Amino acid sequence: MMEPKQVTVRRWSEISSKPLTEESVRALHLPAMKYRVSVDRYSPGADIAGGMRAGTLYVLAGHCQMEFGSQVVQFAAGDVAEFPEGRYRVVMGREAGCVVVIAWELPAEFFQ
């Protein structure tokens, strides 16, 4: 049985000297028609589950916990995570929310 891919986390400061904003993230994912870039705002106390394509998560503000299979990752503002395709769950603390930008490459048929 293959081990599921793991989430890898690094700091925005390792990627860019610019402030971490939605615009600076979009500038990394060009041409724009080749990528889907979206902003998600999670409220304090939120508990959200779903599925996603493999991509990159940028934490603009706050902190949150995400579960990918058996892996639990704590994210804080300034973190950049490469995550595998699959099921996930976001769990927010009661005291703070979190703002993230998620970017993933669209399948070729979307941008031909």
PDB file of N, CA and C in Angstrom:
ATOM      1  N   MET A   1       0.844  -1.193   0.000  1.00  0.00           N
ATOM      2  CA  MET A   1       0.000   0.000   0.000  1.00  0.00           C
ATOM      3  C   MET A   1       0.885   1.251   0.000  1.00  0.00           C
ATOM      4  N   MET A   2       0.594   2.184  -0.885  1.00  0.00           N
ATOM      5  CA  MET A   2       1.403   3.406  -0.953  1.00  0.00           C
ATOM      6  C   MET A   2       0.999   4.370   0.149  1.00  0.00           C
ATOM      7  N   GLU A   3       2.027   5.034   0.705  1.00  0.00           N
ATOM      8  CA  GLU A   3       1.754   6.086   1.679  1.00  0.00           C
ATOM      9  C   GLU A   3       1.125   7.267   0.941  1.00  0.00           C
ATOM     10  N   PRO A   4       0.115   7.921   1.536  1.00  0.00           N
ATOM     11  CA  PRO A   4      -0.435   9.105   0.872  1.00  0.00           C
ATOM     12  C   PRO A   4       0.623  10.211   0.842  1.00  0.00           C
ATOM     13  N   LYS A   5       0.528  11.056  -0.167  1.00  0.00           N
ATOM     14  CA  LYS A   5       1.456  12.185  -0.249  1.00  0.00           C
ATOM     15  C   LYS A   5       1.266  13.077   0.958  1.00  0.00           C
ATOM     16  N   GLN A   6       2.359  13.680   1.382  1.00  0.00           N
ATOM     17  CA  GLN A   6       2.321  14.545   2.554  1.00  0.00           C
ATOM     18  C   GLN A   6       2.263  16.018   2.146  1.00  0.00           C
ATOM     19  N   VAL A   7       1.707  16.824   3.023  1.00  0.00           N
ATOM     20  CA  VAL A   7       1.701  18.266   2.852  1.00  0.00           C
ATOM     21  C   VAL A   7       3.096  18.778   3.223  1.00  0.00           C
ATOM     22  N   THR A   8       3.647  19.680   2.419  1.00  0.00           N
ATOM     23  CA  THR A   8       4.917  20.307   2.771  1.00  0.00           C
ATOM     24  C   THR A   8       4.675  21.792   2.987  1.00  0.00           C
ATOM     25  N   VAL A   9       5.298  22.352   4.018  1.00  0.00           N
ATOM     26  CA  VAL A   9       5.056  23.742   4.399  1.00  0.00           C
ATOM     27  C   VAL A   9       6.371  24.504   4.419  1.00  0.00           C
ATOM     28  N   ARG A  10       6.334  25.708   3.862  1.00  0.00           N
ATOM     29  CA  ARG A  10       7.476  26.613   3.976  1.00  0.00           C
ATOM     30  C   ARG A  10       6.939  28.010   4.224  1.00  0.00           C
ATOM     31  N   ARG A  11       7.838  28.974   4.355  1.00  0.00           N
ATOM     32  CA  ARG A  11       7.427  30.350   4.637  1.00  0.00           C
ATOM     33  C   ARG A  11       7.408  31.177   3.362  1.00  0.00           C
ATOM     34  N   TRP A  12       6.456  32.109   3.286  1.00  0.00           N
ATOM     35  CA  TRP A  12       6.363  33.018   2.141  1.00  0.00           C
ATOM     36  C   TRP A  12       7.684  33.748   1.923  1.00  0.00           C
ATOM     37  N   SER A  13       8.371  34.105   2.997  1.00  0.00           N
ATOM     38  CA  SER A  13       9.627  34.845   2.888  1.00  0.00           C
ATOM     39  C   SER A  13      10.705  34.070   2.128  1.00  0.00           C
ATOM     40  N   GLU A  14      10.551  32.744   2.010  1.00  0.00           N
ATOM     41  CA  GLU A  14      11.488  31.935   1.220  1.00  0.00           C
ATOM     42  C   GLU A  14      11.198  32.054  -0.270  1.00  0.00           C
ATOM     43  N   ILE A  15      10.003  32.537  -0.632  1.00  0.00           N
ATOM     44  CA  ILE A  15       9.561  32.600  -2.023  1.00  0.00           C
ATOM     45  C   ILE A  15       9.676  34.009  -2.585  1.00  0.00           C
ATOM     46  N   SER A  16       9.306  34.992  -1.764  1.00  0.00           N
ATOM     47  CA  SER A  16       9.202  36.364  -2.264  1.00  0.00           C
ATOM     48  C   SER A  16       9.535  37.365  -1.162  1.00  0.00           C
ATOM     49  N   SER A  17      10.065  38.518  -1.588  1.00  0.00           N
ATOM     50  CA  SER A  17      10.308  39.606  -0.628  1.00  0.00           C
ATOM     51  C   SER A  17       9.121  40.563  -0.583  1.00  0.00           C
ATOM     52  N   LYS A  18       8.123  40.346  -1.461  1.00  0.00           N
ATOM     53  CA  LYS A  18       6.924  41.189  -1.477  1.00  0.00           C
ATOM     54  C   LYS A  18       6.004  40.797  -0.332  1.00  0.00           C
ATOM     55  N   PRO A  19       5.107  41.705   0.082  1.00  0.00           N
ATOM     56  CA  PRO A  19       4.101  41.333   1.086  1.00  0.00           C
ATOM     57  C   PRO A  19       3.211  40.216   0.533  1.00  0.00           C
ATOM     58  N   LEU A  20       2.752  39.351   1.416  1.00  0.00           N
ATOM     59  CA  LEU A  20       1.869  38.249   1.010  1.00  0.00           C
ATOM     60  C   LEU A  20       0.448  38.786   0.889  1.00  0.00           C
ATOM     61  N   THR A  21      -0.026  38.915  -0.354  1.00  0.00           N
ATOM     62  CA  THR A  21      -1.381  39.401  -0.645  1.00  0.00           C
ATOM     63  C   THR A  21      -1.979  38.521  -1.735  1.00  0.00           C
ATOM     64  N   GLU A  22      -3.272  38.655  -1.938  1.00  0.00           N
ATOM     65  CA  GLU A  22      -3.910  37.921  -3.034  1.00  0.00           C
ATOM     66  C   GLU A  22      -3.237  38.270  -4.365  1.00  0.00           C
ATOM     67  N   GLU A  23      -2.920  39.554  -4.569  1.00  0.00           N
ATOM     68  CA  GLU A  23      -2.301  39.991  -5.823  1.00  0.00           C
ATOM     69  C   GLU A  23      -0.914  39.375  -6.002  1.00  0.00           C
ATOM     70  N   SER A  24      -0.111  39.320  -4.936  1.00  0.00           N
ATOM     71  CA  SER A  24       1.234  38.756  -5.081  1.00  0.00           C
ATOM     72  C   SER A  24       1.178  37.253  -5.351  1.00  0.00           C
ATOM     73  N   VAL A  25       0.164  36.574  -4.811  1.00  0.00           N
ATOM     74  CA  VAL A  25      -0.014  35.148  -5.108  1.00  0.00           C
ATOM     75  C   VAL A  25      -0.433  34.978  -6.563  1.00  0.00           C
ATOM     76  N   ARG A  26      -1.392  35.803  -7.019  1.00  0.00           N
ATOM     77  CA  ARG A  26      -1.842  35.695  -8.415  1.00  0.00           C
ATOM     78  C   ARG A  26      -0.670  35.916  -9.378  1.00  0.00           C
ATOM     79  N   ALA A  27       0.254  36.804  -9.028  1.00  0.00           N
ATOM     80  CA  ALA A  27       1.402  37.097  -9.888  1.00  0.00           C
ATOM     81  C   ALA A  27       2.318  35.887 -10.058  1.00  0.00           C
ATOM     82  N   LEU A  28       2.277  34.933  -9.126  1.00  0.00           N
ATOM     83  CA  LEU A  28       3.080  33.715  -9.234  1.00  0.00           C
ATOM     84  C   LEU A  28       2.427  32.672 -10.139  1.00  0.00           C
ATOM     85  N   HIS A  29       1.141  32.812 -10.373  1.00  0.00           N
ATOM     86  CA  HIS A  29       0.380  31.794 -11.098  1.00  0.00           C
ATOM     87  C   HIS A  29      -0.123  32.354 -12.427  1.00  0.00           C
ATOM     88  N   LEU A  30       0.811  32.480 -13.350  1.00  0.00           N
ATOM     89  CA  LEU A  30       0.514  33.034 -14.666  1.00  0.00           C
ATOM     90  C   LEU A  30       0.892  32.025 -15.745  1.00  0.00           C
ATOM     91  N   PRO A  31       0.242  32.018 -16.896  1.00  0.00           N
ATOM     92  CA  PRO A  31      -0.876  32.905 -17.247  1.00  0.00           C
ATOM     93  C   PRO A  31      -2.123  32.588 -16.425  1.00  0.00           C
ATOM     94  N   ALA A  32      -2.887  33.627 -16.123  1.00  0.00           N
ATOM     95  CA  ALA A  32      -4.032  33.495 -15.226  1.00  0.00           C
ATOM     96  C   ALA A  32      -5.039  32.445 -15.698  1.00  0.00           C
ATOM     97  N   MET A  33      -5.205  32.299 -17.018  1.00  0.00           N
ATOM     98  CA  MET A  33      -6.197  31.337 -17.523  1.00  0.00           C
ATOM     99  C   MET A  33      -5.796  29.888 -17.232  1.00  0.00           C
ATOM    100  N   LYS A  34      -4.543  29.673 -16.870  1.00  0.00           N
ATOM    101  CA  LYS A  34      -4.055  28.316 -16.619  1.00  0.00           C
ATOM    102  C   LYS A  34      -4.269  27.891 -15.160  1.00  0.00           C
ATOM    103  N   TYR A  35      -4.619  28.840 -14.297  1.00  0.00           N
ATOM    104  CA  TYR A  35      -4.740  28.555 -12.862  1.00  0.00           C
ATOM    105  C   TYR A  35      -6.074  29.017 -12.309  1.00  0.00           C
ATOM    106  N   ARG A  36      -6.535  28.343 -11.291  1.00  0.00           N
ATOM    107  CA  ARG A  36      -7.663  28.810 -10.499  1.00  0.00           C
ATOM    108  C   ARG A  36      -7.069  29.309  -9.186  1.00  0.00           C
ATOM    109  N   VAL A  37      -7.355  30.544  -8.853  1.00  0.00           N
ATOM    110  CA  VAL A  37      -6.871  31.140  -7.606  1.00  0.00           C
ATOM    111  C   VAL A  37      -8.089  31.672  -6.873  1.00  0.00           C
ATOM    112  N   SER A  38      -8.293  31.221  -5.638  1.00  0.00           N
ATOM    113  CA  SER A  38      -9.467  31.673  -4.901  1.00  0.00           C
ATOM    114  C   SER A  38      -9.100  31.997  -3.458  1.00  0.00           C
ATOM    115  N   VAL A  39      -9.859  32.916  -2.892  1.00  0.00           N
ATOM    116  CA  VAL A  39      -9.661  33.331  -1.507  1.00  0.00           C
ATOM    117  C   VAL A  39     -10.753  32.687  -0.662  1.00  0.00           C
ATOM    118  N   ASP A  40     -10.365  32.071   0.439  1.00  0.00           N
ATOM    119  CA  ASP A  40     -11.325  31.507   1.388  1.00  0.00           C
ATOM    120  C   ASP A  40     -11.124  32.157   2.736  1.00  0.00           C
ATOM    121  N   ARG A  41     -12.237  32.537   3.366  1.00  0.00           N
ATOM    122  CA  ARG A  41     -12.196  33.110   4.718  1.00  0.00           C
ATOM    123  C   ARG A  41     -12.914  32.147   5.644  1.00  0.00           C
ATOM    124  N   TYR A  42     -12.209  31.694   6.661  1.00  0.00           N
ATOM    125  CA  TYR A  42     -12.789  30.761   7.634  1.00  0.00           C
ATOM    126  C   TYR A  42     -13.066  31.514   8.929  1.00  0.00           C
ATOM    127  N   SER A  43     -14.269  31.379   9.447  1.00  0.00           N
ATOM    128  CA  SER A  43     -14.669  32.057  10.682  1.00  0.00           C
ATOM    129  C   SER A  43     -14.192  31.279  11.898  1.00  0.00           C
ATOM    130  N   PRO A  44     -14.013  31.979  13.044  1.00  0.00           N
ATOM    131  CA  PRO A  44     -13.651  31.263  14.277  1.00  0.00           C
ATOM    132  C   PRO A  44     -14.663  30.153  14.564  1.00  0.00           C
ATOM    133  N   GLY A  45     -14.162  28.994  14.955  1.00  0.00           N
ATOM    134  CA  GLY A  45     -15.020  27.869  15.289  1.00  0.00           C
ATOM    135  C   GLY A  45     -15.484  27.033  14.110  1.00  0.00           C
ATOM    136  N   ALA A  46     -15.115  27.428  12.886  1.00  0.00           N
ATOM    137  CA  ALA A  46     -15.561  26.676  11.700  1.00  0.00           C
ATOM    138  C   ALA A  46     -14.937  25.285  11.675  1.00  0.00           C
ATOM    139  N   ASP A  47     -15.678  24.346  11.116  1.00  0.00           N
ATOM    140  CA  ASP A  47     -15.200  22.972  10.938  1.00  0.00           C
ATOM    141  C   ASP A  47     -15.738  22.536   9.578  1.00  0.00           C
ATOM    142  N   ILE A  48     -14.889  22.531   8.562  1.00  0.00           N
ATOM    143  CA  ILE A  48     -15.310  22.331   7.184  1.00  0.00           C
ATOM    144  C   ILE A  48     -14.535  21.163   6.584  1.00  0.00           C
ATOM    145  N   ALA A  49     -15.235  20.272   5.913  1.00  0.00           N
ATOM    146  CA  ALA A  49     -14.583  19.146   5.245  1.00  0.00           C
ATOM    147  C   ALA A  49     -14.909  19.190   3.766  1.00  0.00           C
ATOM    148  N   GLY A  50     -14.029  18.622   2.958  1.00  0.00           N
ATOM    149  CA  GLY A  50     -14.273  18.588   1.523  1.00  0.00           C
ATOM    150  C   GLY A  50     -13.167  17.852   0.816  1.00  0.00           C
ATOM    151  N   GLY A  51     -13.098  18.079  -0.487  1.00  0.00           N
ATOM    152  CA  GLY A  51     -12.054  17.477  -1.300  1.00  0.00           C
ATOM    153  C   GLY A  51     -11.436  18.550  -2.166  1.00  0.00           C
ATOM    154  N   MET A  52     -10.173  18.374  -2.548  1.00  0.00           N
ATOM    155  CA  MET A  52      -9.528  19.370  -3.391  1.00  0.00           C
ATOM    156  C   MET A  52      -8.506  18.729  -4.310  1.00  0.00           C
ATOM    157  N   ARG A  53      -8.202  19.488  -5.359  1.00  0.00           N
ATOM    158  CA  ARG A  53      -7.122  19.104  -6.265  1.00  0.00           C
ATOM    159  C   ARG A  53      -5.795  19.419  -5.576  1.00  0.00           C
ATOM    160  N   ALA A  54      -4.729  18.805  -6.071  1.00  0.00           N
ATOM    161  CA  ALA A  54      -3.401  19.166  -5.590  1.00  0.00           C
ATOM    162  C   ALA A  54      -3.154  20.633  -5.936  1.00  0.00           C
ATOM    163  N   GLY A  55      -2.504  21.362  -5.046  1.00  0.00           N
ATOM    164  CA  GLY A  55      -2.255  22.776  -5.291  1.00  0.00           C
ATOM    165  C   GLY A  55      -1.435  23.390  -4.184  1.00  0.00           C
ATOM    166  N   THR A  56      -1.525  24.716  -4.098  1.00  0.00           N
ATOM    167  CA  THR A  56      -0.745  25.469  -3.126  1.00  0.00           C
ATOM    168  C   THR A  56      -1.680  26.343  -2.305  1.00  0.00           C
ATOM    169  N   LEU A  57      -1.469  26.333  -1.000  1.00  0.00           N
ATOM    170  CA  LEU A  57      -2.271  27.113  -0.049  1.00  0.00           C
ATOM    171  C   LEU A  57      -1.375  28.190   0.553  1.00  0.00           C
ATOM    172  N   TYR A  58      -1.832  29.435   0.524  1.00  0.00           N
ATOM    173  CA  TYR A  58      -1.095  30.567   1.095  1.00  0.00           C
ATOM    174  C   TYR A  58      -1.935  31.121   2.232  1.00  0.00           C
ATOM    175  N   VAL A  59      -1.370  31.232   3.434  1.00  0.00           N
ATOM    176  CA  VAL A  59      -2.122  31.745   4.580  1.00  0.00           C
ATOM    177  C   VAL A  59      -1.849  33.244   4.705  1.00  0.00           C
ATOM    178  N   LEU A  60      -2.872  34.055   4.380  1.00  0.00           N
ATOM    179  CA  LEU A  60      -2.715  35.505   4.416  1.00  0.00           C
ATOM    180  C   LEU A  60      -2.828  36.057   5.824  1.00  0.00           C
ATOM    181  N   ALA A  61      -3.727  35.490   6.623  1.00  0.00           N
ATOM    182  CA  ALA A  61      -3.978  36.039   7.958  1.00  0.00           C
ATOM    183  C   ALA A  61      -4.513  34.951   8.868  1.00  0.00           C
ATOM    184  N   GLY A  62      -4.249  35.107  10.165  1.00  0.00           N
ATOM    185  CA  GLY A  62      -4.785  34.178  11.156  1.00  0.00           C
ATOM    186  C   GLY A  62      -4.028  32.865  11.196  1.00  0.00           C
ATOM    187  N   HIS A  63      -4.676  31.855  11.739  1.00  0.00           N
ATOM    188  CA  HIS A  63      -4.092  30.520  11.802  1.00  0.00           C
ATOM    189  C   HIS A  63      -5.213  29.503  11.821  1.00  0.00           C
ATOM    190  N   CYS A  64      -4.904  28.288  11.362  1.00  0.00           N
ATOM    191  CA  CYS A  64      -5.907  27.239  11.312  1.00  0.00           C
ATOM    192  C   CYS A  64      -5.216  25.883  11.318  1.00  0.00           C
ATOM    193  N   GLN A  65      -6.020  24.882  11.485  1.00  0.00           N
ATOM    194  CA  GLN A  65      -5.526  23.504  11.444  1.00  0.00           C
ATOM    195  C   GLN A  65      -6.213  22.808  10.284  1.00  0.00           C
ATOM    196  N   MET A  66      -5.422  22.096   9.479  1.00  0.00           N
ATOM    197  CA  MET A  66      -6.005  21.308   8.389  1.00  0.00           C
ATOM    198  C   MET A  66      -5.577  19.864   8.547  1.00  0.00           C
ATOM    199  N   GLU A  67      -6.494  18.978   8.266  1.00  0.00           N
ATOM    200  CA  GLU A  67      -6.218  17.545   8.321  1.00  0.00           C
ATOM    201  C   GLU A  67      -6.298  17.005   6.900  1.00  0.00           C
ATOM    202  N   PHE A  68      -5.251  16.309   6.471  1.00  0.00           N
ATOM    203  CA  PHE A  68      -5.200  15.628   5.182  1.00  0.00           C
ATOM    204  C   PHE A  68      -4.969  14.160   5.508  1.00  0.00           C
ATOM    205  N   GLY A  69      -6.023  13.348   5.452  1.00  0.00           N
ATOM    206  CA  GLY A  69      -5.879  11.951   5.856  1.00  0.00           C
ATOM    207  C   GLY A  69      -5.448  11.890   7.310  1.00  0.00           C
ATOM    208  N   SER A  70      -4.333  11.223   7.580  1.00  0.00           N
ATOM    209  CA  SER A  70      -3.863  11.114   8.970  1.00  0.00           C
ATOM    210  C   SER A  70      -2.942  12.262   9.355  1.00  0.00           C
ATOM    211  N   GLN A  71      -2.580  13.117   8.390  1.00  0.00           N
ATOM    212  CA  GLN A  71      -1.659  14.220   8.688  1.00  0.00           C
ATOM    213  C   GLN A  71      -2.432  15.446   9.168  1.00  0.00           C
ATOM    214  N   VAL A  72      -2.016  15.997  10.304  1.00  0.00           N
ATOM    215  CA  VAL A  72      -2.618  17.210  10.851  1.00  0.00           C
ATOM    216  C   VAL A  72      -1.557  18.310  10.795  1.00  0.00           C
ATOM    217  N   VAL A  73      -1.899  19.438  10.169  1.00  0.00           N
ATOM    218  CA  VAL A  73      -0.934  20.515   9.976  1.00  0.00           C
ATOM    219  C   VAL A  73      -1.496  21.808  10.569  1.00  0.00           C
ATOM    220  N   GLN A  74      -0.684  22.492  11.361  1.00  0.00           N
ATOM    221  CA  GLN A  74      -1.047  23.801  11.890  1.00  0.00           C
ATOM    222  C   GLN A  74      -0.490  24.861  10.948  1.00  0.00           C
ATOM    223  N   PHE A  75      -1.338  25.774  10.494  1.00  0.00           N
ATOM    224  CA  PHE A  75      -0.908  26.842   9.601  1.00  0.00           C
ATOM    225  C   PHE A  75      -1.035  28.184  10.303  1.00  0.00           C
ATOM    226  N   ALA A  76      -0.087  29.084  10.004  1.00  0.00           N
ATOM    227  CA  ALA A  76      -0.144  30.456  10.510  1.00  0.00           C
ATOM    228  C   ALA A  76       0.114  31.402   9.344  1.00  0.00           C
ATOM    229  N   ALA A  77      -0.254  32.664   9.530  1.00  0.00           N
ATOM    230  CA  ALA A  77      -0.044  33.670   8.488  1.00  0.00           C
ATOM    231  C   ALA A  77       1.401  33.605   8.005  1.00  0.00           C
ATOM    232  N   GLY A  78       1.574  33.626   6.681  1.00  0.00           N
ATOM    233  CA  GLY A  78       2.912  33.560   6.096  1.00  0.00           C
ATOM    234  C   GLY A  78       3.330  32.165   5.674  1.00  0.00           C
ATOM    235  N   ASP A  79       2.529  31.145   6.024  1.00  0.00           N
ATOM    236  CA  ASP A  79       2.846  29.786   5.606  1.00  0.00           C
ATOM    237  C   ASP A  79       2.376  29.551   4.176  1.00  0.00           C
ATOM    238  N   VAL A  80       3.141  28.734   3.460  1.00  0.00           N
ATOM    239  CA  VAL A  80       2.795  28.305   2.104  1.00  0.00           C
ATOM    240  C   VAL A  80       2.885  26.791   2.103  1.00  0.00           C
ATOM    241  N   ALA A  81       1.804  26.126   1.715  1.00  0.00           N
ATOM    242  CA  ALA A  81       1.764  24.667   1.768  1.00  0.00           C
ATOM    243  C   ALA A  81       1.458  24.082   0.402  1.00  0.00           C
ATOM    244  N   GLU A  82       2.244  23.083   0.015  1.00  0.00           N
ATOM    245  CA  GLU A  82       1.937  22.288  -1.166  1.00  0.00           C
ATOM    246  C   GLU A  82       1.131  21.100  -0.660  1.00  0.00           C
ATOM    247  N   PHE A  83      -0.073  20.915  -1.197  1.00  0.00           N
ATOM    248  CA  PHE A  83      -0.895  19.826  -0.686  1.00  0.00           C
ATOM    249  C   PHE A  83      -1.316  18.884  -1.798  1.00  0.00           C
ATOM    250  N   PRO A  84      -1.494  17.616  -1.456  1.00  0.00           N
ATOM    251  CA  PRO A  84      -1.884  16.613  -2.444  1.00  0.00           C
ATOM    252  C   PRO A  84      -3.386  16.670  -2.713  1.00  0.00           C
ATOM    253  N   GLU A  85      -3.790  16.051  -3.804  1.00  0.00           N
ATOM    254  CA  GLU A  85      -5.214  15.912  -4.089  1.00  0.00           C
ATOM    255  C   GLU A  85      -5.823  14.991  -3.045  1.00  0.00           C
ATOM    256  N   GLY A  86      -7.049  15.278  -2.639  1.00  0.00           N
ATOM    257  CA  GLY A  86      -7.710  14.369  -1.709  1.00  0.00           C
ATOM    258  C   GLY A  86      -8.662  15.057  -0.764  1.00  0.00           C
ATOM    259  N   ARG A  87      -9.066  14.324   0.241  1.00  0.00           N
ATOM    260  CA  ARG A  87     -10.012  14.804   1.246  1.00  0.00           C
ATOM    261  C   ARG A  87      -9.269  15.652   2.275  1.00  0.00           C
ATOM    262  N   TYR A  88      -9.959  16.646   2.801  1.00  0.00           N
ATOM    263  CA  TYR A  88      -9.359  17.479   3.838  1.00  0.00           C
ATOM    264  C   TYR A  88     -10.435  17.934   4.812  1.00  0.00           C
ATOM    265  N   ARG A  89      -9.981  18.470   5.927  1.00  0.00           N
ATOM    266  CA  ARG A  89     -10.865  19.064   6.930  1.00  0.00           C
ATOM    267  C   ARG A  89     -10.146  20.271   7.518  1.00  0.00           C
ATOM    268  N   VAL A  90     -10.842  21.390   7.609  1.00  0.00           N
ATOM    269  CA  VAL A  90     -10.297  22.606   8.220  1.00  0.00           C
ATOM    270  C   VAL A  90     -10.980  22.782   9.565  1.00  0.00           C
ATOM    271  N   VAL A  91     -10.184  22.958  10.612  1.00  0.00           N
ATOM    272  CA  VAL A  91     -10.734  23.166  11.952  1.00  0.00           C
ATOM    273  C   VAL A  91     -10.174  24.485  12.492  1.00  0.00           C
ATOM    274  N   MET A  92     -11.076  25.405  12.806  1.00  0.00           N
ATOM    275  CA  MET A  92     -10.660  26.716  13.309  1.00  0.00           C
ATOM    276  C   MET A  92     -10.774  26.763  14.823  1.00  0.00           C
ATOM    277  N   GLY A  93      -9.834  27.455  15.449  1.00  0.00           N
ATOM    278  CA  GLY A  93      -9.950  27.723  16.877  1.00  0.00           C
ATOM    279  C   GLY A  93     -11.093  28.687  17.128  1.00  0.00           C
ATOM    280  N   ARG A  94     -11.526  28.799  18.358  1.00  0.00           N
ATOM    281  CA  ARG A  94     -12.660  29.674  18.670  1.00  0.00           C
ATOM    282  C   ARG A  94     -12.284  31.151  18.707  1.00  0.00           C
ATOM    283  N   GLU A  95     -10.973  31.441  18.833  1.00  0.00           N
ATOM    284  CA  GLU A  95     -10.554  32.825  19.060  1.00  0.00           C
ATOM    285  C   GLU A  95     -10.207  33.594  17.790  1.00  0.00           C
ATOM    286  N   ALA A  96      -9.906  32.899  16.693  1.00  0.00           N
ATOM    287  CA  ALA A  96      -9.453  33.629  15.505  1.00  0.00           C
ATOM    288  C   ALA A  96      -9.894  32.929  14.237  1.00  0.00           C
ATOM    289  N   GLY A  97     -10.050  33.727  13.186  1.00  0.00           N
ATOM    290  CA  GLY A  97     -10.355  33.184  11.875  1.00  0.00           C
ATOM    291  C   GLY A  97      -9.075  33.041  11.067  1.00  0.00           C
ATOM    292  N   CYS A  98      -9.249  32.755   9.787  1.00  0.00           N
ATOM    293  CA  CYS A  98      -8.111  32.522   8.916  1.00  0.00           C
ATOM    294  C   CYS A  98      -8.506  32.933   7.496  1.00  0.00           C
ATOM    295  N   VAL A  99      -7.583  33.573   6.784  1.00  0.00           N
ATOM    296  CA  VAL A  99      -7.807  33.916   5.382  1.00  0.00           C
ATOM    297  C   VAL A  99      -6.722  33.221   4.572  1.00  0.00           C
ATOM    298  N   VAL A 100      -7.124  32.430   3.580  1.00  0.00           N
ATOM    299  CA  VAL A 100      -6.172  31.704   2.755  1.00  0.00           C
ATOM    300  C   VAL A 100      -6.443  31.964   1.280  1.00  0.00           C
ATOM    301  N   VAL A 101      -5.387  31.849   0.477  1.00  0.00           N
ATOM    302  CA  VAL A 101      -5.523  31.857  -0.977  1.00  0.00           C
ATOM    303  C   VAL A 101      -5.093  30.465  -1.432  1.00  0.00           C
ATOM    304  N   ILE A 102      -5.922  29.832  -2.251  1.00  0.00           N
ATOM    305  CA  ILE A 102      -5.620  28.500  -2.764  1.00  0.00           C
ATOM    306  C   ILE A 102      -5.460  28.606  -4.278  1.00  0.00           C
ATOM    307  N   ALA A 103      -4.375  28.024  -4.790  1.00  0.00           N
ATOM    308  CA  ALA A 103      -4.109  28.070  -6.225  1.00  0.00           C
ATOM    309  C   ALA A 103      -3.839  26.663  -6.733  1.00  0.00           C
ATOM    310  N   TRP A 104      -4.434  26.343  -7.881  1.00  0.00           N
ATOM    311  CA  TRP A 104      -4.124  25.061  -8.501  1.00  0.00           C
ATOM    312  C   TRP A 104      -4.180  25.209 -10.005  1.00  0.00           C
ATOM    313  N   GLU A 105      -3.426  24.357 -10.675  1.00  0.00           N
ATOM    314  CA  GLU A 105      -3.374  24.386 -12.133  1.00  0.00           C
ATOM    315  C   GLU A 105      -4.614  23.700 -12.682  1.00  0.00           C
ATOM    316  N   LEU A 106      -5.242  24.336 -13.656  1.00  0.00           N
ATOM    317  CA  LEU A 106      -6.423  23.765 -14.285  1.00  0.00           C
ATOM    318  C   LEU A 106      -6.014  22.675 -15.280  1.00  0.00           C
ATOM    319  N   PRO A 107      -6.860  21.662 -15.482  1.00  0.00           N
ATOM    320  CA  PRO A 107      -6.573  20.663 -16.518  1.00  0.00           C
ATOM    321  C   PRO A 107      -6.488  21.349 -17.886  1.00  0.00           C
ATOM    322  N   ALA A 108      -5.698  20.808 -18.766  1.00  0.00           N
ATOM    323  CA  ALA A 108      -5.421  21.432 -20.075  1.00  0.00           C
ATOM    324  C   ALA A 108      -6.694  21.802 -20.836  1.00  0.00           C
ATOM    325  N   GLU A 109      -7.729  20.980 -20.760  1.00  0.00           N
ATOM    326  CA  GLU A 109      -8.928  21.265 -21.551  1.00  0.00           C
ATOM    327  C   GLU A 109      -9.612  22.574 -21.157  1.00  0.00           C
ATOM    328  N   PHE A 110      -9.300  23.101 -19.969  1.00  0.00           N
ATOM    329  CA  PHE A 110      -9.914  24.353 -19.520  1.00  0.00           C
ATOM    330  C   PHE A 110      -9.307  25.590 -20.164  1.00  0.00           C
ATOM    331  N   PHE A 111      -8.064  25.502 -20.635  1.00  0.00           N
ATOM    332  CA  PHE A 111      -7.435  26.731 -21.105  1.00  0.00           C
ATOM    333  C   PHE A 111      -6.898  26.639 -22.526  1.00  0.00           C
ATOM    334  N   GLN A 112      -7.397  25.713 -23.312  1.00  0.00           N
ATOM    335  CA  GLN A 112      -6.948  25.629 -24.715  1.00  0.00           C
ATOM    336  C   GLN A 112      -7.710  26.613 -25.579  1.00  0.00           C
TER     337      GLN A 112
END
